[in-house]
Amino acid sequence: MKKKPASFWHGETCEYCDGPIVDKRVTLHRKVRRKYVVVENVPAGVCKQCGTRYYSASVLKAVEESLRGRRPARREVLVPVYSLE
């Protein structure tokens, strides 16, 4: 039986609450050049206590390349807009 490699965040703790950080896949929502963009399945370290997210440098570089259009979008979705005015 193969042993699972250690997590990138194994043994790390949150700088805010000292909680343990675990590997998760998250969704980022950003506004880029007056358009809203969603980046799915982003690997992150997430604090189990307070939810603070941490990203490795390589993940941030991949997100930046996606947002700058160097990677093609997988799909586009229509987003409803509501106003309480």
N, C-alpha and C. Protein backbone atom coordinates (compact mmCIF):
# COMPACT_ATOMS: atom_id res chain seq x y z
N MET A 1 0.84 -1.18 0.00
CA MET A 1 0.00 0.00 0.00
C MET A 1 0.88 1.25 0.00
N LYS A 2 0.63 2.15 -0.96
CA LYS A 2 1.42 3.37 -1.06
C LYS A 2 1.04 4.35 0.04
N LYS A 3 2.05 5.02 0.56
CA LYS A 3 1.81 6.03 1.58
C LYS A 3 1.51 7.36 0.90
N LYS A 4 0.46 8.04 1.37
CA LYS A 4 0.07 9.33 0.81
C LYS A 4 1.12 10.37 1.17
N PRO A 5 1.58 11.19 0.18
CA PRO A 5 2.59 12.21 0.49
C PRO A 5 2.04 13.24 1.48
N ALA A 6 2.92 13.80 2.28
CA ALA A 6 2.51 14.79 3.28
C ALA A 6 1.93 16.03 2.58
N SER A 7 0.96 16.62 3.21
CA SER A 7 0.33 17.84 2.72
C SER A 7 1.33 18.99 2.72
N PHE A 8 1.15 19.91 1.79
CA PHE A 8 1.99 21.11 1.74
C PHE A 8 1.86 21.89 3.06
N TRP A 9 0.68 21.84 3.66
CA TRP A 9 0.39 22.62 4.86
C TRP A 9 0.54 21.81 6.14
N HIS A 10 1.01 20.56 6.04
CA HIS A 10 1.14 19.69 7.21
C HIS A 10 1.97 20.35 8.31
N GLY A 11 1.41 20.40 9.51
CA GLY A 11 2.13 20.96 10.65
C GLY A 11 2.07 22.47 10.76
N GLU A 12 1.50 23.14 9.76
CA GLU A 12 1.39 24.61 9.80
C GLU A 12 0.19 25.02 10.62
N THR A 13 0.30 26.18 11.26
CA THR A 13 -0.82 26.72 12.04
C THR A 13 -1.14 28.13 11.59
N CYS A 14 -2.36 28.54 11.84
CA CYS A 14 -2.86 29.85 11.43
C CYS A 14 -2.14 30.96 12.20
N GLU A 15 -1.77 32.01 11.49
CA GLU A 15 -1.09 33.13 12.13
C GLU A 15 -2.04 33.97 12.98
N TYR A 16 -3.35 33.80 12.82
CA TYR A 16 -4.32 34.60 13.55
C TYR A 16 -4.86 33.90 14.80
N CYS A 17 -5.19 32.60 14.68
CA CYS A 17 -5.82 31.90 15.81
C CYS A 17 -5.05 30.67 16.26
N ASP A 18 -3.96 30.35 15.57
CA ASP A 18 -3.11 29.20 15.89
C ASP A 18 -3.80 27.85 15.61
N GLY A 19 -4.88 27.87 14.83
CA GLY A 19 -5.58 26.64 14.46
C GLY A 19 -4.81 25.87 13.40
N PRO A 20 -5.10 24.59 13.24
CA PRO A 20 -4.43 23.78 12.22
C PRO A 20 -4.89 24.15 10.81
N ILE A 21 -3.97 24.08 9.87
CA ILE A 21 -4.28 24.39 8.46
C ILE A 21 -4.38 23.07 7.71
N VAL A 22 -5.44 22.92 6.93
CA VAL A 22 -5.67 21.69 6.16
C VAL A 22 -5.79 22.03 4.67
N ASP A 23 -5.50 21.04 3.82
CA ASP A 23 -5.64 21.20 2.38
C ASP A 23 -7.11 21.20 1.98
N LYS A 24 -7.48 22.13 1.11
CA LYS A 24 -8.84 22.17 0.56
C LYS A 24 -8.77 22.73 -0.85
N ARG A 25 -9.85 22.55 -1.58
CA ARG A 25 -10.03 23.19 -2.88
C ARG A 25 -11.10 24.26 -2.68
N VAL A 26 -10.80 25.49 -3.07
CA VAL A 26 -11.72 26.60 -2.84
C VAL A 26 -12.05 27.30 -4.15
N THR A 27 -13.03 28.18 -4.10
CA THR A 27 -13.42 28.99 -5.25
C THR A 27 -13.12 30.45 -4.93
N LEU A 28 -12.43 31.11 -5.86
CA LEU A 28 -12.12 32.53 -5.71
C LEU A 28 -13.06 33.36 -6.58
N HIS A 29 -13.50 34.49 -6.05
CA HIS A 29 -14.32 35.44 -6.79
C HIS A 29 -13.52 36.74 -6.86
N ARG A 30 -13.28 37.23 -8.05
CA ARG A 30 -12.49 38.45 -8.22
C ARG A 30 -13.15 39.36 -9.26
N LYS A 31 -12.84 40.66 -9.15
CA LYS A 31 -13.27 41.61 -10.16
C LYS A 31 -12.02 42.03 -10.92
N VAL A 32 -12.03 41.79 -12.23
CA VAL A 32 -10.87 42.07 -13.08
C VAL A 32 -11.34 42.91 -14.26
N ARG A 33 -10.77 44.09 -14.39
CA ARG A 33 -11.13 45.00 -15.49
C ARG A 33 -12.66 45.14 -15.62
N ARG A 34 -13.30 45.46 -14.50
CA ARG A 34 -14.75 45.72 -14.43
C ARG A 34 -15.62 44.51 -14.75
N LYS A 35 -15.04 43.31 -14.71
CA LYS A 35 -15.81 42.08 -14.90
C LYS A 35 -15.56 41.17 -13.71
N TYR A 36 -16.59 40.41 -13.36
CA TYR A 36 -16.44 39.45 -12.28
C TYR A 36 -15.93 38.13 -12.85
N VAL A 37 -14.99 37.52 -12.14
CA VAL A 37 -14.36 36.28 -12.58
C VAL A 37 -14.41 35.28 -11.42
N VAL A 38 -14.64 34.02 -11.75
CA VAL A 38 -14.64 32.94 -10.77
C VAL A 38 -13.53 31.97 -11.14
N VAL A 39 -12.71 31.62 -10.16
CA VAL A 39 -11.66 30.62 -10.36
C VAL A 39 -11.99 29.46 -9.43
N GLU A 40 -12.28 28.30 -10.01
CA GLU A 40 -12.69 27.13 -9.24
C GLU A 40 -11.53 26.18 -8.98
N ASN A 41 -11.70 25.34 -7.99
CA ASN A 41 -10.76 24.26 -7.66
C ASN A 41 -9.35 24.76 -7.36
N VAL A 42 -9.26 25.86 -6.62
CA VAL A 42 -7.96 26.44 -6.27
C VAL A 42 -7.43 25.74 -5.02
N PRO A 43 -6.24 25.13 -5.09
CA PRO A 43 -5.67 24.49 -3.90
C PRO A 43 -5.29 25.56 -2.87
N ALA A 44 -5.70 25.33 -1.63
CA ALA A 44 -5.41 26.30 -0.57
C ALA A 44 -5.23 25.58 0.74
N GLY A 45 -4.56 26.25 1.66
CA GLY A 45 -4.53 25.81 3.04
C GLY A 45 -5.59 26.62 3.75
N VAL A 46 -6.47 25.95 4.48
CA VAL A 46 -7.57 26.64 5.16
C VAL A 46 -7.52 26.30 6.64
N CYS A 47 -7.58 27.34 7.48
CA CYS A 47 -7.58 27.13 8.93
C CYS A 47 -8.89 26.47 9.34
N LYS A 48 -8.80 25.40 10.09
CA LYS A 48 -9.99 24.67 10.54
C LYS A 48 -10.78 25.46 11.58
N GLN A 49 -10.16 26.41 12.25
CA GLN A 49 -10.86 27.17 13.30
C GLN A 49 -11.50 28.45 12.77
N CYS A 50 -10.75 29.27 12.06
CA CYS A 50 -11.28 30.59 11.66
C CYS A 50 -11.53 30.72 10.17
N GLY A 51 -11.05 29.77 9.35
CA GLY A 51 -11.32 29.80 7.92
C GLY A 51 -10.36 30.63 7.09
N THR A 52 -9.34 31.20 7.69
CA THR A 52 -8.36 31.97 6.92
C THR A 52 -7.74 31.09 5.85
N ARG A 53 -7.58 31.65 4.66
CA ARG A 53 -7.03 30.89 3.54
C ARG A 53 -5.58 31.28 3.28
N TYR A 54 -4.78 30.29 2.92
CA TYR A 54 -3.38 30.49 2.57
C TYR A 54 -3.14 29.84 1.21
N TYR A 55 -2.30 30.49 0.37
CA TYR A 55 -2.02 29.99 -0.97
C TYR A 55 -0.51 29.93 -1.18
N SER A 56 -0.07 28.90 -1.87
CA SER A 56 1.36 28.81 -2.21
C SER A 56 1.66 29.77 -3.35
N ALA A 57 2.92 30.11 -3.52
CA ALA A 57 3.34 31.03 -4.58
C ALA A 57 2.99 30.48 -5.96
N SER A 58 3.14 29.17 -6.15
CA SER A 58 2.85 28.59 -7.47
C SER A 58 1.36 28.66 -7.78
N VAL A 59 0.52 28.51 -6.77
CA VAL A 59 -0.93 28.64 -6.98
C VAL A 59 -1.28 30.08 -7.33
N LEU A 60 -0.72 31.03 -6.62
CA LEU A 60 -0.99 32.44 -6.91
C LEU A 60 -0.55 32.81 -8.33
N LYS A 61 0.57 32.25 -8.78
CA LYS A 61 1.04 32.51 -10.14
C LYS A 61 0.06 31.94 -11.16
N ALA A 62 -0.44 30.74 -10.93
CA ALA A 62 -1.42 30.12 -11.84
C ALA A 62 -2.72 30.92 -11.88
N VAL A 63 -3.16 31.42 -10.72
CA VAL A 63 -4.37 32.25 -10.67
C VAL A 63 -4.14 33.53 -11.47
N GLU A 64 -3.00 34.17 -11.27
CA GLU A 64 -2.70 35.40 -12.00
C GLU A 64 -2.67 35.17 -13.51
N GLU A 65 -2.07 34.07 -13.95
CA GLU A 65 -2.04 33.75 -15.38
C GLU A 65 -3.46 33.56 -15.92
N SER A 66 -4.30 32.92 -15.13
CA SER A 66 -5.68 32.73 -15.55
C SER A 66 -6.39 34.07 -15.68
N LEU A 67 -6.23 34.94 -14.69
CA LEU A 67 -6.91 36.23 -14.69
C LEU A 67 -6.40 37.17 -15.78
N ARG A 68 -5.17 36.99 -16.19
CA ARG A 68 -4.61 37.83 -17.27
C ARG A 68 -4.93 37.28 -18.65
N GLY A 69 -5.66 36.17 -18.69
CA GLY A 69 -6.08 35.62 -19.97
C GLY A 69 -5.09 34.69 -20.63
N ARG A 70 -4.05 34.29 -19.91
CA ARG A 70 -3.06 33.38 -20.50
C ARG A 70 -3.55 31.94 -20.52
N ARG A 71 -4.59 31.68 -19.75
CA ARG A 71 -5.23 30.36 -19.75
C ARG A 71 -6.67 30.58 -20.20
N PRO A 72 -7.18 29.71 -21.03
CA PRO A 72 -8.56 29.89 -21.48
C PRO A 72 -9.56 29.58 -20.37
N ALA A 73 -10.66 30.32 -20.37
CA ALA A 73 -11.73 30.04 -19.40
C ALA A 73 -12.41 28.74 -19.80
N ARG A 74 -12.82 27.96 -18.81
CA ARG A 74 -13.50 26.69 -19.09
C ARG A 74 -14.93 26.91 -19.55
N ARG A 75 -15.58 27.91 -18.95
CA ARG A 75 -16.96 28.21 -19.32
C ARG A 75 -17.30 29.60 -18.83
N GLU A 76 -18.43 30.11 -19.29
CA GLU A 76 -18.95 31.40 -18.82
C GLU A 76 -20.35 31.18 -18.30
N VAL A 77 -20.73 31.94 -17.29
CA VAL A 77 -22.06 31.82 -16.71
C VAL A 77 -22.72 33.19 -16.64
N LEU A 78 -24.01 33.20 -16.73
CA LEU A 78 -24.79 34.41 -16.60
C LEU A 78 -25.06 34.63 -15.11
N VAL A 79 -24.84 35.84 -14.61
CA VAL A 79 -25.02 36.13 -13.20
C VAL A 79 -26.16 37.12 -13.01
N PRO A 80 -27.17 36.76 -12.23
CA PRO A 80 -28.25 37.71 -11.97
C PRO A 80 -27.77 38.85 -11.07
N VAL A 81 -28.28 40.04 -11.29
CA VAL A 81 -27.92 41.20 -10.49
C VAL A 81 -29.17 41.76 -9.85
N TYR A 82 -29.15 41.94 -8.55
CA TYR A 82 -30.29 42.48 -7.81
C TYR A 82 -29.91 43.82 -7.22
N SER A 83 -30.90 44.70 -7.02
CA SER A 83 -30.67 45.99 -6.39
C SER A 83 -31.75 46.21 -5.35
N LEU A 84 -31.37 46.75 -4.21
CA LEU A 84 -32.31 47.06 -3.14
C LEU A 84 -32.61 48.55 -3.09
N GLU A 85 -32.32 49.26 -4.16
CA GLU A 85 -32.60 50.71 -4.20
C GLU A 85 -34.07 50.95 -4.41
